[in-house]
Amino acid sequence: MSVDQLSAAYFETGTLPDLPRDHFIDGRAVAPGVGGRMESFDPGRGMAFADFAAGDAADVDHAVTSAVAGFEVWSATPPAQRCAILNEAARLMRQEAERFAVVECVDSGKTLAEARGDIAGSARLLEYYAGAADKLDGRSVNLGNDNAAFTLREPVGVTAHIVPWNYPTSTLVRGIAPALAAGCSAVVKPAETTPFTALMIADLLIRAGLPAGVVNVVTGTGIAAGAPLVRDPRVRHVTFTGSVATGVGVMQSVAPNVTGLTLELGGKSPLVAFGDADVDAVVEGALWAIFSNAGQICSAGSRLVIQRSLHAEVRDKLVARAQMLRMGHGLRGPDIGAVNSARHLAQIADHVSRARARGVEIVTGGEVLSDVESGAGWFYAPTILDNLAATDDAVLQEIFGPVLAIQVFDDEAEALALANGTEFALAAGIYTKDIATALRMARGVDAGQVTVNDYWAGGIELPFGGNRKSGFGRENGLEGLDAYTRSKAITLAV
């Protein structure tokens, strides 16, 4: 079915056809052991549209047992064959991209255009790591004697992937693609509000030729399914994306097993604009740095740190642009989609309400909205808070919604201090025409990735991850393979 047909059928029936509803274990759909089920809600309508399996520790045990057996098969599979299977998975994902995008849109609340971009990027990730599968070579080492020495890069074993709700497809693929390229197996626990594309991807991988048991998916809550997964001693690496508090809990859970860990946590990333920057570029960059995916992005440019000479002009233009943005159900082609859940919408509203109560100037937005066509759904107006102090909670705390905090600086030293003035260190954008200023700031700002004059510049070929309370470890790029391989040194006395 085309997107138009799927959309029409969805609005008529309130559901999507042929959605997977059970766990995916050992190459097939598996009903939950105790028969529990949960509802998944369409954020754009605020209504349940399907149900899915609610997993528990027994389901997780079944999946990890399958992954242990799958690892024995997959780690012995020739790298060239792993490459071919990942490339076939990428081909299938592109072939089925429109269905994936519709499911992603309805399940997460984002716009169809954003969902399409996520699916295209996920197919590219599969291709990228397919190309790496047969190039994970060791090295020859000269010991300066008659001994021969070399290293091997081996897969670490069973890996666990705890996937967030804001990017349920692309975050999943950026974890499992390098794991599979390295020869690891995987157990995936998708977010409880966005389970379906993970199940669809597991089935797609089997159709691409992946052996049964190599990728398994258990759906359900973090407490019932996620917690026993990360505690399982058979898991040798956990990749987690989510909140700082939950990330700390994951660290504590894996510590007794000395399990490897990649954490991609929160952010309060600055977009720093100097007085010589192109005004229109700053406005456009700041707009989409915070309002893409309704601000529900770990690396969102949630702080505009701007030189005083540009402040008023950029703020006024931003307000005008923000007020023009169209909000609505993702399938109807809006500029901004829904917030993922009623619970998260309430959290965003509470952040802004407390800012209003302490006297913060809200120059636009600051209210809960609904879809203009249906009067339903979970939406928050694009919001801008102006001229905030470095100590304000809206500067220091991650709101994870369409809320921009503006901070004003007078010189470069102050700009750097403000940019580094939170406990997060995930991303940063710098806008200036002066290359020397750009390089000094890029070196000085504490962030895992820095872009200049285009906030979303870069791509999957570059490593992604944060410092301090934004986490540790890197995904994407060749660095994304490091978590899933271990080096073994072999020396021969000759």
Protein backbone atom coordinates (compact mmCIF):
# COMPACT_ATOMS: atom_id res chain seq x y z
CA MET A 1 0.00 0.00 0.00
CA SER A 2 1.11 3.56 -0.72
CA VAL A 3 1.49 6.18 2.00
CA ASP A 4 -1.78 7.79 0.92
CA GLN A 5 -3.59 4.46 1.11
CA LEU A 6 -2.07 3.60 4.48
CA SER A 7 -2.92 7.04 5.84
CA ALA A 8 -6.51 6.91 4.59
CA ALA A 9 -6.98 3.42 5.99
CA TYR A 10 -5.47 4.48 9.31
CA PHE A 11 -7.72 7.51 9.80
CA GLU A 12 -10.72 5.40 8.82
CA THR A 13 -10.00 2.36 11.03
CA GLY A 14 -7.80 3.80 13.78
CA THR A 15 -5.13 1.14 13.29
CA LEU A 16 -2.50 -0.09 10.84
CA PRO A 17 -2.68 -3.50 9.17
CA ASP A 18 -0.28 -6.39 9.88
CA LEU A 19 1.57 -4.84 12.80
CA PRO A 20 3.79 -7.29 14.71
CA ARG A 21 2.33 -7.86 18.19
CA ASP A 22 4.62 -10.42 19.84
CA HIS A 23 8.26 -10.67 20.83
CA PHE A 24 10.75 -11.73 18.14
CA ILE A 25 12.94 -14.54 19.45
CA ASP A 26 14.98 -17.16 17.61
CA GLY A 27 13.84 -15.94 14.21
CA ARG A 28 10.08 -15.89 14.79
CA ALA A 29 7.25 -14.16 16.61
CA VAL A 30 6.84 -15.47 20.16
CA ALA A 31 3.89 -14.71 22.45
CA PRO A 32 4.75 -13.44 25.94
CA GLY A 33 5.21 -16.18 28.50
CA VAL A 34 2.47 -14.92 30.79
CA GLY A 35 0.28 -13.53 28.04
CA GLY A 36 0.51 -9.90 29.11
CA ARG A 37 -0.16 -7.13 26.60
CA MET A 38 0.23 -3.34 26.46
CA GLU A 39 -1.32 -0.62 24.32
CA SER A 40 0.63 1.67 22.03
CA PHE A 41 -0.71 5.18 21.54
CA ASP A 42 -0.68 7.51 18.55
CA PRO A 43 0.56 10.81 20.04
CA GLY A 44 -1.05 12.77 17.21
CA ARG A 45 -4.51 11.52 18.24
CA GLY A 46 -3.88 10.68 21.88
CA MET A 47 -5.49 7.29 21.33
CA ALA A 48 -4.37 3.65 21.38
CA PHE A 49 -4.04 2.14 17.92
CA ALA A 50 -2.55 -1.32 18.63
CA ASP A 51 -1.31 -3.60 21.38
CA PHE A 52 1.89 -5.59 21.83
CA ALA A 53 3.55 -8.12 24.13
CA ALA A 54 4.46 -7.08 27.68
CA GLY A 55 7.65 -9.00 28.37
CA ASP A 56 9.15 -10.11 31.67
CA ALA A 57 12.31 -11.79 32.97
CA ALA A 58 11.31 -15.16 31.52
CA ASP A 59 10.93 -13.67 28.05
CA VAL A 60 14.30 -11.95 28.42
CA ASP A 61 15.93 -15.22 29.48
CA HIS A 62 14.48 -16.90 26.39
CA ALA A 63 15.84 -14.11 24.16
CA VAL A 64 19.32 -14.11 25.70
CA THR A 65 19.53 -17.90 25.46
CA SER A 66 18.65 -17.57 21.77
CA ALA A 67 21.27 -14.84 21.33
CA VAL A 68 23.97 -17.01 22.94
CA ALA A 69 23.28 -19.76 20.39
CA GLY A 70 22.98 -17.17 17.61
CA PHE A 71 26.38 -15.75 18.50
CA GLU A 72 28.07 -19.11 17.97
CA VAL A 73 26.68 -19.23 14.44
CA TRP A 74 27.12 -15.57 13.52
CA SER A 75 30.64 -15.10 14.89
CA ALA A 76 31.74 -18.03 12.71
CA THR A 77 30.04 -16.59 9.61
CA PRO A 78 32.61 -15.28 7.09
CA PRO A 79 32.85 -11.47 7.17
CA ALA A 80 32.03 -11.22 3.47
CA GLN A 81 28.76 -13.04 4.12
CA ARG A 82 27.93 -10.70 7.01
CA CYS A 83 28.57 -7.83 4.61
CA ALA A 84 26.18 -9.28 2.03
CA ILE A 85 23.39 -9.83 4.57
CA LEU A 86 23.62 -6.29 5.94
CA ASN A 87 23.56 -4.88 2.40
CA GLU A 88 20.47 -6.95 1.63
CA ALA A 89 18.84 -5.63 4.78
CA ALA A 90 19.54 -2.09 3.61
CA ARG A 91 17.98 -2.90 0.23
CA LEU A 92 14.85 -4.33 1.86
CA MET A 93 14.54 -1.33 4.17
CA ARG A 94 14.61 1.04 1.20
CA GLN A 95 12.10 -1.13 -0.63
CA GLU A 96 9.74 -1.03 2.36
CA ALA A 97 10.63 2.50 3.46
CA GLU A 98 7.15 4.00 3.12
CA ARG A 99 5.51 1.44 5.38
CA PHE A 100 8.32 1.83 7.93
CA ALA A 101 7.88 5.61 7.83
CA VAL A 102 4.12 5.45 8.39
CA VAL A 103 4.52 3.11 11.36
CA GLU A 104 7.28 5.31 12.81
CA CYS A 105 5.14 8.42 12.34
CA VAL A 106 2.05 6.97 14.01
CA ASP A 107 3.94 5.27 16.83
CA SER A 108 6.27 8.15 17.77
CA GLY A 109 4.28 11.26 16.83
CA LYS A 110 6.92 12.76 14.54
CA THR A 111 6.15 14.06 11.07
CA LEU A 112 6.12 11.74 8.08
CA ALA A 113 9.00 13.73 6.56
CA GLU A 114 11.09 13.21 9.69
CA ALA A 115 10.21 9.52 9.75
CA ARG A 116 11.22 9.14 6.12
CA GLY A 117 14.56 10.73 6.91
CA ASP A 118 15.08 8.33 9.81
CA ILE A 119 14.37 5.29 7.64
CA ALA A 120 16.70 6.50 4.87
CA GLY A 121 19.43 7.15 7.42
CA SER A 122 18.94 3.70 8.93
CA ALA A 123 19.35 2.02 5.54
CA ARG A 124 22.53 4.03 5.05
CA LEU A 125 23.80 2.86 8.47
CA LEU A 126 23.29 -0.75 7.44
CA GLU A 127 25.26 -0.14 4.26
CA TYR A 128 28.03 1.70 6.07
CA TYR A 129 28.65 -1.09 8.55
CA ALA A 130 28.21 -3.72 5.86
CA GLY A 131 31.27 -2.15 4.28
CA ALA A 132 33.18 -2.50 7.54
CA ALA A 133 32.31 -6.13 8.22
CA ASP A 134 35.15 -7.57 6.12
CA LYS A 135 37.70 -4.91 7.11
CA LEU A 136 37.98 -5.48 10.85
CA ASP A 137 41.63 -6.43 10.64
CA GLY A 138 44.23 -6.71 13.37
CA ARG A 139 47.82 -5.59 12.99
CA SER A 140 51.29 -7.07 12.82
CA VAL A 141 53.59 -5.95 15.64
CA ASN A 142 57.39 -5.71 15.41
CA LEU A 143 58.80 -6.81 18.77
CA GLY A 144 62.38 -6.34 17.65
CA ASN A 145 63.31 -10.03 18.08
CA ASP A 146 62.64 -13.33 16.39
CA ASN A 147 59.13 -13.62 17.79
CA ALA A 148 56.14 -13.04 15.54
CA ALA A 149 53.25 -11.04 17.01
CA PHE A 150 49.88 -9.96 15.74
CA THR A 151 46.47 -8.88 17.02
CA LEU A 152 42.94 -10.00 16.27
CA ARG A 153 39.69 -8.03 16.59
CA GLU A 154 37.07 -10.39 17.99
CA PRO A 155 33.35 -9.82 18.62
CA VAL A 156 32.52 -9.31 22.30
CA GLY A 157 29.53 -11.69 22.31
CA VAL A 158 25.88 -11.06 23.17
CA THR A 159 24.98 -7.36 23.22
CA ALA A 160 21.93 -5.62 24.69
CA HIS A 161 20.36 -2.51 23.19
CA ILE A 162 17.97 -0.31 25.18
CA VAL A 163 16.33 1.93 22.58
CA PRO A 164 14.60 5.29 23.27
CA TRP A 165 11.26 6.50 21.96
CA ASN A 166 12.41 9.65 20.16
CA TYR A 167 14.32 7.81 17.39
CA PRO A 168 13.12 4.20 17.66
CA THR A 169 14.43 3.10 14.26
CA SER A 170 17.67 4.99 13.75
CA THR A 171 18.91 4.57 17.33
CA LEU A 172 18.25 0.85 17.11
CA VAL A 173 20.08 0.47 13.80
CA ARG A 174 23.09 2.57 14.83
CA GLY A 175 23.59 0.06 17.65
CA ILE A 176 22.86 -3.28 16.04
CA ALA A 177 24.46 -2.55 12.64
CA PRO A 178 28.03 -2.26 14.00
CA ALA A 179 27.37 -5.10 16.45
CA LEU A 180 26.31 -7.38 13.59
CA ALA A 181 29.20 -6.24 11.41
CA ALA A 182 31.59 -7.21 14.21
CA GLY A 183 30.02 -10.67 14.56
CA CYS A 184 28.00 -10.07 17.76
CA SER A 185 24.44 -11.13 18.47
CA ALA A 186 21.87 -8.81 20.01
CA VAL A 187 18.83 -8.57 22.26
CA VAL A 188 16.83 -5.37 21.79
CA LYS A 189 14.41 -3.79 24.26
CA PRO A 190 12.59 -0.94 22.45
CA ALA A 191 10.87 1.84 24.37
CA GLU A 192 7.45 0.86 25.67
CA THR A 193 5.78 3.68 23.70
CA THR A 194 7.41 2.81 20.34
CA PRO A 195 7.80 -0.97 19.95
CA PHE A 196 6.83 -1.72 16.37
CA THR A 197 9.72 -0.79 14.08
CA ALA A 198 12.16 -2.84 16.20
CA LEU A 199 9.99 -5.91 15.63
CA MET A 200 9.72 -5.09 11.93
CA ILE A 201 13.50 -4.72 11.62
CA ALA A 202 14.12 -8.08 13.30
CA ASP A 203 11.83 -9.76 10.79
CA LEU A 204 13.46 -7.85 7.91
CA LEU A 205 16.92 -9.06 8.98
CA ILE A 206 15.76 -12.68 8.92
CA ARG A 207 14.41 -12.15 5.41
CA ALA A 208 17.77 -10.65 4.46
CA GLY A 209 19.48 -13.90 5.48
CA LEU A 210 20.45 -13.31 9.11
CA PRO A 211 20.50 -16.60 11.04
CA ALA A 212 17.79 -17.14 13.65
CA GLY A 213 18.74 -16.02 17.14
CA VAL A 214 21.25 -13.37 16.10
CA VAL A 215 18.80 -10.48 16.69
CA ASN A 216 15.99 -10.87 19.21
CA VAL A 217 13.46 -8.27 20.40
CA VAL A 218 11.62 -8.27 23.73
CA THR A 219 8.99 -5.56 24.18
CA GLY A 220 7.60 -4.23 27.44
CA THR A 221 8.50 -1.86 30.24
CA GLY A 222 11.94 -0.91 31.40
CA ILE A 223 11.34 -2.39 34.84
CA ALA A 224 9.90 -5.72 33.70
CA ALA A 225 12.02 -6.34 30.58
CA GLY A 226 14.86 -3.82 30.40
CA ALA A 227 16.19 -4.34 33.93
CA PRO A 228 16.61 -8.14 33.72
CA LEU A 229 18.22 -7.76 30.30
CA VAL A 230 21.02 -5.45 31.43
CA ARG A 231 21.59 -7.55 34.57
CA ASP A 232 22.02 -10.81 32.66
CA PRO A 233 25.66 -12.01 33.03
CA ARG A 234 25.59 -13.52 29.54
CA VAL A 235 25.34 -10.01 28.05
CA ARG A 236 28.83 -8.67 27.37
CA HIS A 237 27.99 -5.14 26.25
CA VAL A 238 25.02 -2.85 26.86
CA THR A 239 24.23 0.13 24.65
CA PHE A 240 21.78 2.49 26.32
CA THR A 241 20.21 5.74 25.15
CA GLY A 242 18.00 7.63 27.58
CA SER A 243 17.93 9.82 30.65
CA VAL A 244 20.81 10.44 33.03
CA ALA A 245 18.95 8.91 35.98
CA THR A 246 18.18 5.69 34.11
CA GLY A 247 21.70 5.60 32.69
CA VAL A 248 23.15 5.71 36.20
CA GLY A 249 20.87 2.81 37.12
CA VAL A 250 22.11 0.83 34.10
CA MET A 251 25.72 1.46 35.16
CA GLN A 252 24.97 0.10 38.60
CA SER A 253 23.22 -2.94 37.11
CA VAL A 254 26.05 -3.95 34.79
CA ALA A 255 28.86 -3.32 37.29
CA PRO A 256 28.67 -6.72 39.09
CA ASN A 257 29.12 -8.50 35.75
CA VAL A 258 31.88 -6.13 34.55
CA THR A 259 29.86 -5.68 31.37
CA GLY A 260 30.91 -3.16 28.72
CA LEU A 261 28.69 -0.10 28.43
CA THR A 262 27.93 2.71 26.00
CA LEU A 263 25.79 5.52 27.39
CA GLU A 264 24.19 8.25 25.27
CA LEU A 265 22.34 10.40 27.76
CA GLY A 266 20.95 13.91 27.93
CA GLY A 267 22.05 17.22 26.51
CA LYS A 268 21.62 20.94 26.85
CA SER A 269 23.56 21.80 23.75
CA PRO A 270 24.47 25.40 22.85
CA LEU A 271 24.21 27.06 19.48
CA VAL A 272 26.72 29.91 19.85
CA ALA A 273 26.21 32.84 17.46
CA PHE A 274 28.79 35.62 17.19
CA GLY A 275 28.09 39.17 16.02
CA ASP A 276 29.61 38.61 12.56
CA ALA A 277 27.43 35.58 11.79
CA ASP A 278 24.88 35.52 8.98
CA VAL A 279 21.61 36.47 10.69
CA ASP A 280 19.35 34.38 8.48
CA ALA A 281 21.60 31.33 8.87
CA VAL A 282 21.48 31.72 12.66
CA VAL A 283 17.69 32.04 12.64
CA GLU A 284 17.18 29.00 10.42
CA GLY A 285 19.80 26.99 12.28
CA ALA A 286 18.41 27.82 15.72
CA LEU A 287 14.82 27.16 14.59
CA TRP A 288 15.41 23.59 13.48
CA ALA A 289 18.06 22.86 16.09
CA ILE A 290 15.32 23.02 18.72
CA PHE A 291 12.00 22.46 16.92
CA SER A 292 12.91 19.39 14.84
CA ASN A 293 11.08 16.33 16.22
CA ALA A 294 9.28 18.71 18.63
CA GLY A 295 12.57 19.26 20.44
CA GLN A 296 12.77 15.61 21.50
CA ILE A 297 16.40 15.15 20.50
CA CYS A 298 19.27 14.49 22.91
CA SER A 299 21.56 16.71 20.84
CA ALA A 300 18.97 19.45 20.19
CA GLY A 301 20.31 23.00 20.19
CA SER A 302 18.19 23.88 23.19
CA ARG A 303 20.26 26.96 24.12
CA LEU A 304 20.89 29.89 21.78
CA VAL A 305 23.99 31.62 23.17
CA ILE A 306 24.10 34.85 21.18
CA GLN A 307 26.25 37.99 21.11
CA ARG A 308 24.43 41.08 22.32
CA SER A 309 24.72 42.90 18.98
CA LEU A 310 22.63 40.19 17.27
CA HIS A 311 20.30 39.34 20.10
CA ALA A 312 17.23 41.48 19.40
CA GLU A 313 17.21 40.97 15.63
CA VAL A 314 17.65 37.21 15.80
CA ARG A 315 15.13 36.84 18.64
CA ASP A 316 12.45 38.78 16.77
CA LYS A 317 12.98 36.82 13.58
CA LEU A 318 12.94 33.55 15.49
CA VAL A 319 9.67 34.47 17.15
CA ALA A 320 8.12 35.30 13.78
CA ARG A 321 9.32 32.02 12.26
CA ALA A 322 8.21 29.97 15.26
CA GLN A 323 4.73 31.42 15.10
CA MET A 324 4.45 30.38 11.45
CA LEU A 325 5.20 26.70 12.13
CA ARG A 326 2.23 24.40 11.53
CA MET A 327 1.53 21.70 14.10
CA GLY A 328 -0.58 18.63 13.57
CA HIS A 329 -0.76 14.90 13.08
CA GLY A 330 2.43 13.65 11.45
CA LEU A 331 0.62 11.98 8.55
CA ARG A 332 -0.94 15.32 7.52
CA GLY A 333 2.37 16.98 6.63
CA PRO A 334 2.84 19.56 9.43
CA ASP A 335 6.08 21.32 10.29
CA ILE A 336 6.05 19.89 13.83
CA GLY A 337 4.45 16.72 15.11
CA ALA A 338 3.25 15.62 18.52
CA VAL A 339 5.03 15.07 21.79
CA ASN A 340 5.49 11.34 22.35
CA SER A 341 3.27 10.82 25.41
CA ALA A 342 0.82 12.55 27.70
CA ARG A 343 3.27 12.06 30.54
CA HIS A 344 6.09 13.77 28.70
CA LEU A 345 3.81 16.60 27.56
CA ALA A 346 2.98 17.27 31.21
CA GLN A 347 6.68 17.37 32.07
CA ILE A 348 7.39 19.95 29.36
CA ALA A 349 4.44 22.07 30.45
CA ASP A 350 5.62 21.91 34.06
CA HIS A 351 9.11 23.14 33.12
CA VAL A 352 7.66 26.16 31.32
CA SER A 353 5.08 26.83 34.02
CA ARG A 354 7.80 27.00 36.64
CA ALA A 355 9.85 29.33 34.41
CA ARG A 356 6.84 31.62 34.05
CA ALA A 357 6.31 31.60 37.82
CA ARG A 358 9.86 32.77 38.50
CA GLY A 359 9.56 35.64 36.04
CA VAL A 360 11.24 34.28 32.91
CA GLU A 361 10.17 36.17 29.77
CA ILE A 362 8.31 33.85 27.39
CA VAL A 363 8.36 35.66 24.06
CA THR A 364 6.30 33.06 22.21
CA GLY A 365 4.55 29.77 22.93
CA GLY A 366 4.31 28.38 26.42
CA GLU A 367 1.06 26.44 26.03
CA VAL A 368 -0.32 22.97 25.43
CA LEU A 369 -2.07 22.60 22.07
CA SER A 370 -4.00 19.99 20.11
CA ASP A 371 -4.28 18.99 16.47
CA VAL A 372 -6.27 21.70 14.71
CA GLU A 373 -8.17 19.17 12.58
CA SER A 374 -9.18 16.72 15.30
CA GLY A 375 -8.86 18.75 18.50
CA ALA A 376 -6.94 15.81 19.98
CA GLY A 377 -3.35 14.72 20.50
CA TRP A 378 -0.38 15.78 22.60
CA PHE A 379 1.23 18.98 21.30
CA TYR A 380 3.26 21.80 22.79
CA ALA A 381 3.63 25.18 21.13
CA PRO A 382 7.12 26.19 19.89
CA THR A 383 8.38 28.18 22.86
CA ILE A 384 11.19 30.72 23.31
CA LEU A 385 12.47 31.89 26.70
CA ASP A 386 14.52 35.08 26.42
CA ASN A 387 17.67 36.45 28.09
CA LEU A 388 18.10 33.79 30.75
CA ALA A 389 20.66 33.82 33.53
CA ALA A 390 23.32 31.12 33.51
CA THR A 391 21.86 29.73 36.72
CA ASP A 392 18.25 29.44 35.55
CA ASP A 393 16.73 25.97 35.62
CA ALA A 394 15.63 26.30 31.98
CA VAL A 395 19.33 26.66 31.10
CA LEU A 396 20.61 23.90 33.36
CA GLN A 397 17.91 21.23 33.00
CA GLU A 398 17.06 19.19 29.92
CA ILE A 399 13.44 19.94 29.00
CA PHE A 400 13.44 17.64 25.94
CA GLY A 401 10.72 19.53 24.13
CA PRO A 402 10.22 22.49 21.76
CA VAL A 403 11.57 25.03 24.25
CA LEU A 404 14.51 27.30 23.39
CA ALA A 405 16.47 29.16 26.08
CA ILE A 406 18.28 32.32 24.90
CA GLN A 407 21.45 33.49 26.68
CA VAL A 408 23.29 36.69 25.80
CA PHE A 409 27.07 37.26 25.87
CA ASP A 410 29.42 40.18 25.24
CA ASP A 411 32.77 38.58 24.38
CA GLU A 412 34.31 35.26 23.38
CA ALA A 413 35.42 34.33 26.88
CA GLU A 414 31.89 34.75 28.18
CA ALA A 415 30.50 32.80 25.23
CA LEU A 416 32.75 29.85 26.03
CA ALA A 417 31.88 30.00 29.73
CA LEU A 418 28.16 29.98 28.95
CA ALA A 419 28.53 27.18 26.38
CA ASN A 420 30.28 25.02 28.98
CA GLY A 421 28.03 26.14 31.81
CA THR A 422 25.90 23.02 32.26
CA GLU A 423 26.63 19.48 33.40
CA PHE A 424 25.96 18.19 29.87
CA ALA A 425 28.46 18.02 27.00
CA LEU A 426 26.88 16.36 23.97
CA ALA A 427 26.89 18.75 21.00
CA ALA A 428 27.55 22.36 20.09
CA GLY A 429 27.06 24.62 17.07
CA ILE A 430 29.12 27.71 16.31
CA TYR A 431 28.05 30.47 13.92
CA THR A 432 30.70 32.95 12.80
CA LYS A 433 32.45 34.08 9.62
CA ASP A 434 35.83 34.12 11.40
CA ILE A 435 37.57 30.76 11.04
CA ALA A 436 39.98 31.53 13.87
CA THR A 437 37.08 32.18 16.25
CA ALA A 438 35.36 29.03 15.07
CA LEU A 439 38.43 26.87 15.68
CA ARG A 440 39.15 28.37 19.10
CA MET A 441 35.57 27.78 20.18
CA ALA A 442 35.47 24.29 18.67
CA ARG A 443 38.55 23.34 20.68
CA GLY A 444 37.38 25.05 23.85
CA VAL A 445 33.79 23.84 24.05
CA ASP A 446 33.26 20.56 25.89
CA ALA A 447 31.19 18.44 23.51
CA GLY A 448 31.39 15.17 21.63
CA GLN A 449 30.69 16.87 18.31
CA VAL A 450 30.92 20.47 17.13
CA THR A 451 29.56 21.95 13.91
CA VAL A 452 30.22 25.35 12.33
CA ASN A 453 27.57 27.42 10.51
CA ASP A 454 25.17 24.45 10.14
CA TYR A 455 23.92 22.92 13.37
CA TRP A 456 22.98 19.56 11.85
CA ALA A 457 26.08 19.21 9.68
CA GLY A 458 27.99 15.92 9.72
CA GLY A 459 26.66 12.43 9.21
CA ILE A 460 26.78 8.80 10.23
CA GLU A 461 30.41 8.59 9.15
CA LEU A 462 31.37 10.72 12.18
CA PRO A 463 31.42 9.49 15.80
CA PHE A 464 28.54 10.59 18.01
CA GLY A 465 28.46 10.69 21.79
CA GLY A 466 28.93 12.93 24.79
CA ASN A 467 31.09 13.79 27.76
CA ARG A 468 30.29 14.35 31.44
CA LYS A 469 26.60 13.69 32.17
CA SER A 470 25.89 13.28 28.47
CA GLY A 471 27.48 9.85 28.72
CA PHE A 472 30.50 8.06 27.31
CA GLY A 473 31.42 5.90 24.35
CA ARG A 474 30.84 6.70 20.70
CA GLU A 475 28.37 5.47 18.11
CA ASN A 476 28.40 5.98 14.33
CA GLY A 477 31.58 6.16 12.29
CA LEU A 478 34.32 3.57 12.53
CA GLU A 479 34.49 4.41 16.24
CA GLY A 480 31.04 2.84 16.57
CA LEU A 481 32.64 -0.58 16.04
CA ASP A 482 34.96 -0.27 19.04
CA ALA A 483 32.32 -1.20 21.62
CA TYR A 484 31.57 -4.48 19.87
CA THR A 485 35.11 -5.76 19.36
CA ARG A 486 37.97 -6.69 21.66
CA SER A 487 41.63 -6.99 20.81
CA LYS A 488 43.54 -10.21 21.33
CA ALA A 489 47.34 -10.22 21.14
CA ILE A 490 49.05 -13.42 19.89
CA THR A 491 52.82 -13.93 20.06
CA LEU A 492 54.69 -16.86 18.51
CA ALA A 493 58.18 -17.79 19.67
CA VAL A 494 60.05 -18.88 16.52
